[in-house]
């Protein structure tokens, strides 16, 4: 999981096959050799901002059990998940600059992509049915993909990772060609700080499995809630 904070839905894109709440409940609880509580229906792999233990969603998910560190074979972090900052569907969550303005940019965050010679260090977070619904909602620009056979730790139940949708990738490519693609300097710092806190070996593994941001870093912060002005063309 890599997007930052609760996400607005990305309208118009086809939804990937996902285990919704009803299916998750039907899947039943799993045994808990890794400290998961009863009711856990699977695991989501955090590889970006959700490695940060202070993230509100991480604190919620921690009620389902402790996180399990590990690696996903054949993947690395790339900068391809673009969000159109002034789009109406992102009024509930968007970026503002130090002056409070909502810049007309595409903000790009991390995704997990195929890379045969790389292993991706991650944290597996146990999720119950409600937690899975929350993470799907947060990762609206991502498809959830099952990667249990590639994860280094043996976990009971499905193991999912979120990858940027084709629409999010196309948005990034188009914005980059127009000079509108940026990354949030605060997001980069937050992800790096979370991995540094896990020790030198984890930090080195993070650096080896993460592309440098190819777009300019901007001083941006997330704002939640309806934006009455937005500065969009009328």
C-alpha atoms as a PDB file:
ATOM      1  CA  UNK A   1       0.000   0.000   0.000  1.00  0.00           C
ATOM      2  CA  UNK A   2       1.382   3.237  -0.986  1.00  0.00           C
ATOM      3  CA  UNK A   3      -1.141   6.010  -1.432  1.00  0.00           C
ATOM      4  CA  UNK A   4      -1.157   8.718   1.181  1.00  0.00           C
ATOM      5  CA  UNK A   5      -4.156   9.037   3.474  1.00  0.00           C
ATOM      6  CA  UNK A   6      -7.804   8.162   2.804  1.00  0.00           C
ATOM      7  CA  UNK A   7      -8.443   8.282  -0.929  1.00  0.00           C
ATOM      8  CA  UNK A   8     -11.368   9.453  -2.987  1.00  0.00           C
ATOM      9  CA  UNK A   9     -12.794   7.028  -5.516  1.00  0.00           C
ATOM     10  CA  UNK A  10     -11.398   7.146  -9.042  1.00  0.00           C
ATOM     11  CA  UNK A  11     -14.643   7.279 -11.039  1.00  0.00           C
ATOM     12  CA  UNK A  12     -15.025   5.718 -14.423  1.00  0.00           C
ATOM     13  CA  UNK A  13     -12.341   3.074 -14.107  1.00  0.00           C
ATOM     14  CA  UNK A  14     -13.198  -0.616 -14.087  1.00  0.00           C
ATOM     15  CA  UNK A  15     -12.770  -2.112 -10.654  1.00  0.00           C
ATOM     16  CA  UNK A  16     -10.309  -4.943 -10.251  1.00  0.00           C
ATOM     17  CA  UNK A  17     -11.492  -8.234  -8.787  1.00  0.00           C
ATOM     18  CA  UNK A  18     -11.449  -7.718  -5.034  1.00  0.00           C
ATOM     19  CA  UNK A  19     -12.694  -9.541  -1.996  1.00  0.00           C
ATOM     20  CA  UNK A  20     -15.511  -7.353  -0.724  1.00  0.00           C
ATOM     21  CA  UNK A  21     -16.777  -7.402   2.842  1.00  0.00           C
ATOM     22  CA  UNK A  22     -19.317 -10.167   2.284  1.00  0.00           C
ATOM     23  CA  UNK A  23     -16.797 -12.414   0.552  1.00  0.00           C
ATOM     24  CA  UNK A  24     -14.235 -11.674   3.220  1.00  0.00           C
ATOM     25  CA  UNK A  25     -16.611 -12.664   5.959  1.00  0.00           C
ATOM     26  CA  UNK A  26     -17.452 -15.837   4.090  1.00  0.00           C
ATOM     27  CA  UNK A  27     -13.748 -16.631   3.976  1.00  0.00           C
ATOM     28  CA  UNK A  28     -13.789 -16.990   7.738  1.00  0.00           C
ATOM     29  CA  UNK A  29     -11.086 -16.454  10.343  1.00  0.00           C
ATOM     30  CA  UNK A  30      -7.548 -17.798  10.050  1.00  0.00           C
ATOM     31  CA  UNK A  31      -5.247 -19.280  12.676  1.00  0.00           C
ATOM     32  CA  UNK A  32      -2.870 -16.779  14.196  1.00  0.00           C
ATOM     33  CA  UNK A  33       0.774 -18.010  14.288  1.00  0.00           C
ATOM     34  CA  UNK A  34       1.819 -14.416  13.572  1.00  0.00           C
ATOM     35  CA  UNK A  35      -0.334 -12.836  16.267  1.00  0.00           C
ATOM     36  CA  UNK A  36      -3.412 -12.079  14.174  1.00  0.00           C
ATOM     37  CA  UNK A  37      -6.693 -11.809  16.008  1.00  0.00           C
ATOM     38  CA  UNK A  38      -9.746 -13.965  15.210  1.00  0.00           C
ATOM     39  CA  UNK A  39     -11.626 -12.559  12.231  1.00  0.00           C
ATOM     40  CA  UNK A  40      -8.578 -11.800  10.110  1.00  0.00           C
ATOM     41  CA  UNK A  41      -9.440 -12.518   6.463  1.00  0.00           C
ATOM     42  CA  UNK A  42      -6.062 -11.808   4.885  1.00  0.00           C
ATOM     43  CA  UNK A  43      -3.028  -9.537   4.774  1.00  0.00           C
ATOM     44  CA  UNK A  44      -2.256  -6.350   2.877  1.00  0.00           C
ATOM     45  CA  UNK A  45       1.352  -5.474   2.101  1.00  0.00           C
ATOM     46  CA  UNK A  46       2.501  -1.982   3.065  1.00  0.00           C
ATOM     47  CA  UNK A  47       5.426  -0.648   1.052  1.00  0.00           C
ATOM     48  CA  UNK A  48       4.978   3.141   1.222  1.00  0.00           C
ATOM     49  CA  UNK A  49       3.329   5.493   3.681  1.00  0.00           C
ATOM     50  CA  UNK A  50       1.546   2.649   5.490  1.00  0.00           C
ATOM     51  CA  UNK A  51       4.878   1.462   6.852  1.00  0.00           C
ATOM     52  CA  UNK A  52       4.554   4.509   9.116  1.00  0.00           C
ATOM     53  CA  UNK A  53       3.120   3.259  12.444  1.00  0.00           C
ATOM     54  CA  UNK A  54       1.573   6.685  13.081  1.00  0.00           C
ATOM     55  CA  UNK A  55      -0.675   6.523  10.037  1.00  0.00           C
ATOM     56  CA  UNK A  56      -4.337   6.565  11.180  1.00  0.00           C
ATOM     57  CA  UNK A  57      -5.242   3.522   9.084  1.00  0.00           C
ATOM     58  CA  UNK A  58      -2.269   1.553  10.432  1.00  0.00           C
ATOM     59  CA  UNK A  59      -3.426   2.293  13.971  1.00  0.00           C
ATOM     60  CA  UNK A  60      -6.883   0.977  13.087  1.00  0.00           C
ATOM     61  CA  UNK A  61      -5.531  -2.148  11.440  1.00  0.00           C
ATOM     62  CA  UNK A  62      -3.238  -2.874  14.394  1.00  0.00           C
ATOM     63  CA  UNK A  63      -6.296  -4.068  16.323  1.00  0.00           C
ATOM     64  CA  UNK A  64      -6.328  -7.127  14.026  1.00  0.00           C
ATOM     65  CA  UNK A  65      -2.814  -8.181  15.081  1.00  0.00           C
ATOM     66  CA  UNK A  66       0.837  -7.291  14.627  1.00  0.00           C
ATOM     67  CA  UNK A  67       2.517  -6.594  11.315  1.00  0.00           C
ATOM     68  CA  UNK A  68       4.842  -9.182   9.797  1.00  0.00           C
ATOM     69  CA  UNK A  69       7.956  -7.971   7.926  1.00  0.00           C
ATOM     70  CA  UNK A  70       9.029  -9.729   4.754  1.00  0.00           C
ATOM     71  CA  UNK A  71       9.884  -9.386   1.086  1.00  0.00           C
ATOM     72  CA  UNK A  72       8.003  -9.811  -2.184  1.00  0.00           C
ATOM     73  CA  UNK A  73      10.110 -11.491  -4.838  1.00  0.00           C
ATOM     74  CA  UNK A  74      10.369  -9.802  -8.223  1.00  0.00           C
ATOM     75  CA  UNK A  75       8.951  -6.357  -7.404  1.00  0.00           C
ATOM     76  CA  UNK A  76      10.193  -2.810  -6.753  1.00  0.00           C
ATOM     77  CA  UNK A  77       8.761   0.628  -6.007  1.00  0.00           C
ATOM     78  CA  UNK A  78       8.068   2.933  -8.943  1.00  0.00           C
ATOM     79  CA  UNK A  79       6.548   6.409  -9.247  1.00  0.00           C
ATOM     80  CA  UNK A  80       3.510   5.893 -11.475  1.00  0.00           C
ATOM     81  CA  UNK A  81       0.314   6.380  -9.424  1.00  0.00           C
ATOM     82  CA  UNK A  82      -0.917   9.808 -10.492  1.00  0.00           C
ATOM     83  CA  UNK A  83      -3.750  11.809  -8.872  1.00  0.00           C
ATOM     84  CA  UNK A  84      -5.305  14.813 -10.640  1.00  0.00           C
ATOM     85  CA  UNK A  85      -5.157  17.293  -7.781  1.00  0.00           C
ATOM     86  CA  UNK A  86      -7.975  19.609  -8.928  1.00  0.00           C
ATOM     87  CA  UNK A  87     -10.378  16.902 -10.081  1.00  0.00           C
ATOM     88  CA  UNK A  88     -13.826  17.112  -8.506  1.00  0.00           C
ATOM     89  CA  UNK A  89     -13.617  13.530  -7.245  1.00  0.00           C
ATOM     90  CA  UNK A  90     -10.601  14.540  -5.139  1.00  0.00           C
ATOM     91  CA  UNK A  91     -12.331  17.398  -3.293  1.00  0.00           C
ATOM     92  CA  UNK A  92     -12.436  15.151  -0.218  1.00  0.00           C
ATOM     93  CA  UNK A  93      -8.653  14.653  -0.271  1.00  0.00           C
ATOM     94  CA  UNK A  94      -6.191  16.784  -2.184  1.00  0.00           C
ATOM     95  CA  UNK A  95      -2.901  18.610  -1.823  1.00  0.00           C
ATOM     96  CA  UNK A  96      -2.372  22.263  -0.988  1.00  0.00           C
ATOM     97  CA  UNK A  97       0.749  24.419  -1.177  1.00  0.00           C
ATOM     98  CA  UNK A  98       2.153  26.487   1.731  1.00  0.00           C
ATOM     99  CA  UNK A  99      -0.178  29.360   0.820  1.00  0.00           C
ATOM    100  CA  UNK A 100      -3.243  27.123   0.982  1.00  0.00           C
ATOM    101  CA  UNK A 101      -3.706  27.006  -2.786  1.00  0.00           C
ATOM    102  CA  UNK A 102      -4.673  23.848  -4.630  1.00  0.00           C
ATOM    103  CA  UNK A 103      -2.138  23.605  -7.467  1.00  0.00           C
ATOM    104  CA  UNK A 104      -3.113  22.364 -10.899  1.00  0.00           C
ATOM    105  CA  UNK A 105      -0.774  19.341 -10.904  1.00  0.00           C
ATOM    106  CA  UNK A 106      -0.823  15.571 -10.938  1.00  0.00           C
ATOM    107  CA  UNK A 107       0.657  14.291  -7.672  1.00  0.00           C
ATOM    108  CA  UNK A 108       2.453  10.975  -8.137  1.00  0.00           C
ATOM    109  CA  UNK A 109       2.891   8.359  -5.423  1.00  0.00           C
ATOM    110  CA  UNK A 110       4.542   4.951  -5.253  1.00  0.00           C
ATOM    111  CA  UNK A 111       3.391   1.705  -6.806  1.00  0.00           C
ATOM    112  CA  UNK A 112       4.758  -1.847  -6.710  1.00  0.00           C
ATOM    113  CA  UNK A 113       5.810  -3.111 -10.132  1.00  0.00           C
ATOM    114  CA  UNK A 114       7.440  -6.138 -11.696  1.00  0.00           C
ATOM    115  CA  UNK A 115      11.252  -6.310 -11.447  1.00  0.00           C
ATOM    116  CA  UNK A 116      12.646  -9.849 -11.784  1.00  0.00           C
ATOM    117  CA  UNK A 117      15.973  -9.219 -10.026  1.00  0.00           C
ATOM    118  CA  UNK A 118      14.639  -7.247  -7.043  1.00  0.00           C
ATOM    119  CA  UNK A 119      12.947  -8.093  -3.762  1.00  0.00           C
ATOM    120  CA  UNK A 120      10.583  -5.559  -2.236  1.00  0.00           C
ATOM    121  CA  UNK A 121      10.751  -5.126   1.573  1.00  0.00           C
ATOM    122  CA  UNK A 122       7.259  -4.690   2.995  1.00  0.00           C
ATOM    123  CA  UNK A 123       5.133  -5.066   6.104  1.00  0.00           C
ATOM    124  CA  UNK A 124       2.190  -7.476   6.016  1.00  0.00           C
ATOM    125  CA  UNK A 125      -0.746  -5.956   7.900  1.00  0.00           C
ATOM    126  CA  UNK A 126      -3.551  -8.296   9.009  1.00  0.00           C
ATOM    127  CA  UNK A 127      -7.021  -7.127   8.012  1.00  0.00           C
ATOM    128  CA  UNK A 128     -10.506  -8.110   9.055  1.00  0.00           C
ATOM    129  CA  UNK A 129     -13.477  -7.606   6.731  1.00  0.00           C
ATOM    130  CA  UNK A 130     -13.985  -3.982   7.744  1.00  0.00           C
ATOM    131  CA  UNK A 131     -10.271  -3.259   7.428  1.00  0.00           C
ATOM    132  CA  UNK A 132     -10.209  -4.663   3.907  1.00  0.00           C
ATOM    133  CA  UNK A 133     -13.048  -2.347   2.912  1.00  0.00           C
ATOM    134  CA  UNK A 134     -11.127   0.619   4.358  1.00  0.00           C
ATOM    135  CA  UNK A 135      -7.900  -0.223   2.563  1.00  0.00           C
ATOM    136  CA  UNK A 136      -9.701  -0.740  -0.757  1.00  0.00           C
ATOM    137  CA  UNK A 137     -11.331   2.673  -0.341  1.00  0.00           C
ATOM    138  CA  UNK A 138      -8.030   4.331   0.510  1.00  0.00           C
ATOM    139  CA  UNK A 139      -6.223   2.750  -2.441  1.00  0.00           C
ATOM    140  CA  UNK A 140      -8.755   3.887  -5.040  1.00  0.00           C
ATOM    141  CA  UNK A 141      -6.049   4.435  -7.668  1.00  0.00           C
ATOM    142  CA  UNK A 142      -4.727   0.916  -7.163  1.00  0.00           C
ATOM    143  CA  UNK A 143      -5.720  -2.650  -8.007  1.00  0.00           C
ATOM    144  CA  UNK A 144      -5.430  -5.263  -5.276  1.00  0.00           C
ATOM    145  CA  UNK A 145      -3.422  -8.306  -6.433  1.00  0.00           C
ATOM    146  CA  UNK A 146      -2.811 -11.597  -4.607  1.00  0.00           C
ATOM    147  CA  UNK A 147       0.940 -12.328  -4.184  1.00  0.00           C
ATOM    148  CA  UNK A 148       1.045 -14.878  -1.380  1.00  0.00           C
ATOM    149  CA  UNK A 149       3.305 -17.289  -3.278  1.00  0.00           C
ATOM    150  CA  UNK A 150       5.903 -14.525  -3.700  1.00  0.00           C
ATOM    151  CA  UNK A 151       5.924 -13.353  -0.079  1.00  0.00           C
ATOM    152  CA  UNK A 152       8.822 -14.553   2.063  1.00  0.00           C
ATOM    153  CA  UNK A 153       6.750 -15.333   5.180  1.00  0.00           C
ATOM    154  CA  UNK A 154       4.169 -18.128   5.293  1.00  0.00           C
ATOM    155  CA  UNK A 155       0.901 -16.468   6.289  1.00  0.00           C
ATOM    156  CA  UNK A 156      -2.563 -17.963   6.672  1.00  0.00           C
ATOM    157  CA  UNK A 157      -4.984 -16.682   4.076  1.00  0.00           C
ATOM    158  CA  UNK A 158      -4.559 -14.423   1.047  1.00  0.00           C
ATOM    159  CA  UNK A 159      -1.755 -11.860   0.836  1.00  0.00           C
ATOM    160  CA  UNK A 160      -2.502  -8.775  -1.271  1.00  0.00           C
ATOM    161  CA  UNK A 161      -0.461  -5.914  -2.673  1.00  0.00           C
ATOM    162  CA  UNK A 162      -1.812  -2.763  -4.299  1.00  0.00           C
ATOM    163  CA  UNK A 163      -0.562  -1.733  -7.750  1.00  0.00           C
ATOM    164  CA  UNK A 164      -1.399   1.445  -9.643  1.00  0.00           C
ATOM    165  CA  UNK A 165      -4.289   1.125 -12.088  1.00  0.00           C
ATOM    166  CA  UNK A 166      -3.744   1.614 -15.794  1.00  0.00           C
ATOM    167  CA  UNK A 167      -5.715   4.839 -15.579  1.00  0.00           C
ATOM    168  CA  UNK A 168      -3.427   6.184 -12.848  1.00  0.00           C
ATOM    169  CA  UNK A 169      -0.373   5.237 -14.937  1.00  0.00           C
ATOM    170  CA  UNK A 170      -1.750   6.908 -18.052  1.00  0.00           C
ATOM    171  CA  UNK A 171      -2.548  10.022 -16.025  1.00  0.00           C
ATOM    172  CA  UNK A 172       1.065  10.148 -14.840  1.00  0.00           C
ATOM    173  CA  UNK A 173       2.471   9.705 -18.347  1.00  0.00           C
ATOM    174  CA  UNK A 174       0.251  12.434 -19.766  1.00  0.00           C
ATOM    175  CA  UNK A 175       1.064  14.829 -16.924  1.00  0.00           C
ATOM    176  CA  UNK A 176       4.796  14.178 -17.219  1.00  0.00           C
ATOM    177  CA  UNK A 177       4.714  15.045 -20.930  1.00  0.00           C
ATOM    178  CA  UNK A 178       2.986  18.339 -20.063  1.00  0.00           C
ATOM    179  CA  UNK A 179       5.335  19.154 -17.164  1.00  0.00           C
ATOM    180  CA  UNK A 180       2.529  18.760 -14.597  1.00  0.00           C
ATOM    181  CA  UNK A 181       3.722  15.651 -12.710  1.00  0.00           C
ATOM    182  CA  UNK A 182       5.131  16.286  -9.227  1.00  0.00           C
ATOM    183  CA  UNK A 183       5.763  14.402  -6.006  1.00  0.00           C
ATOM    184  CA  UNK A 184       5.053  15.635  -2.500  1.00  0.00           C
ATOM    185  CA  UNK A 185       8.316  16.253  -0.647  1.00  0.00           C
ATOM    186  CA  UNK A 186       6.514  15.442   2.594  1.00  0.00           C
ATOM    187  CA  UNK A 187       5.328  12.076   1.251  1.00  0.00           C
ATOM    188  CA  UNK A 188       8.878  11.153   0.207  1.00  0.00           C
ATOM    189  CA  UNK A 189      10.239  12.167   3.614  1.00  0.00           C
ATOM    190  CA  UNK A 190       7.518  10.244   5.447  1.00  0.00           C
ATOM    191  CA  UNK A 191       8.165   7.010   3.560  1.00  0.00           C
ATOM    192  CA  UNK A 192      11.933   7.291   3.948  1.00  0.00           C
ATOM    193  CA  UNK A 193      11.627   8.085   7.651  1.00  0.00           C
ATOM    194  CA  UNK A 194       9.437   5.002   8.207  1.00  0.00           C
ATOM    195  CA  UNK A 195      11.971   2.695   6.570  1.00  0.00           C
ATOM    196  CA  UNK A 196      14.970   4.278   8.297  1.00  0.00           C
ATOM    197  CA  UNK A 197      13.247   3.650  11.626  1.00  0.00           C
ATOM    198  CA  UNK A 198      13.215  -0.084  10.900  1.00  0.00           C
ATOM    199  CA  UNK A 199      17.011  -0.333  10.950  1.00  0.00           C
ATOM    200  CA  UNK A 200      19.994  -0.029   8.647  1.00  0.00           C
ATOM    201  CA  UNK A 201      19.446  -3.334   6.833  1.00  0.00           C
ATOM    202  CA  UNK A 202      15.837  -2.470   6.025  1.00  0.00           C
ATOM    203  CA  UNK A 203      16.850   1.007   4.910  1.00  0.00           C
ATOM    204  CA  UNK A 204      19.469  -0.417   2.531  1.00  0.00           C
ATOM    205  CA  UNK A 205      16.915  -2.881   1.146  1.00  0.00           C
ATOM    206  CA  UNK A 206      14.471  -0.014   0.647  1.00  0.00           C
ATOM    207  CA  UNK A 207      17.016   2.035  -1.287  1.00  0.00           C
ATOM    208  CA  UNK A 208      17.926  -0.943  -3.482  1.00  0.00           C
ATOM    209  CA  UNK A 209      14.269  -1.593  -4.357  1.00  0.00           C
ATOM    210  CA  UNK A 210      13.019   1.979  -4.873  1.00  0.00           C
ATOM    211  CA  UNK A 211      13.324   4.229  -7.905  1.00  0.00           C
ATOM    212  CA  UNK A 212      14.312   7.827  -7.242  1.00  0.00           C
ATOM    213  CA  UNK A 213      11.392  10.210  -7.864  1.00  0.00           C
ATOM    214  CA  UNK A 214      11.641  11.272 -11.532  1.00  0.00           C
ATOM    215  CA  UNK A 215       9.454  14.361 -11.023  1.00  0.00           C
ATOM    216  CA  UNK A 216      10.007  17.649  -9.171  1.00  0.00           C
ATOM    217  CA  UNK A 217       9.409  17.651  -5.437  1.00  0.00           C
ATOM    218  CA  UNK A 218       6.884  20.208  -4.252  1.00  0.00           C
ATOM    219  CA  UNK A 219       6.107  21.438  -0.753  1.00  0.00           C
ATOM    220  CA  UNK A 220       2.593  20.028  -0.526  1.00  0.00           C
ATOM    221  CA  UNK A 221       0.428  18.742   2.288  1.00  0.00           C
ATOM    222  CA  UNK A 222      -2.804  16.804   2.293  1.00  0.00           C
ATOM    223  CA  UNK A 223      -6.070  18.561   3.034  1.00  0.00           C
ATOM    224  CA  UNK A 224      -9.225  16.616   3.887  1.00  0.00           C
ATOM    225  CA  UNK A 225     -12.811  17.700   3.385  1.00  0.00           C
ATOM    226  CA  UNK A 226     -14.733  19.609   0.739  1.00  0.00           C
ATOM    227  CA  UNK A 227     -12.808  22.402  -0.932  1.00  0.00           C
ATOM    228  CA  UNK A 228     -15.173  25.328  -1.614  1.00  0.00           C
ATOM    229  CA  UNK A 229     -12.760  27.262  -3.816  1.00  0.00           C
ATOM    230  CA  UNK A 230     -10.410  24.763  -5.420  1.00  0.00           C
ATOM    231  CA  UNK A 231      -9.423  27.328  -8.039  1.00  0.00           C
ATOM    232  CA  UNK A 232     -10.668  25.107 -10.871  1.00  0.00           C
ATOM    233  CA  UNK A 233     -11.685  26.683 -14.139  1.00  0.00           C
ATOM    234  CA  UNK A 234     -15.418  27.390 -14.080  1.00  0.00           C
END
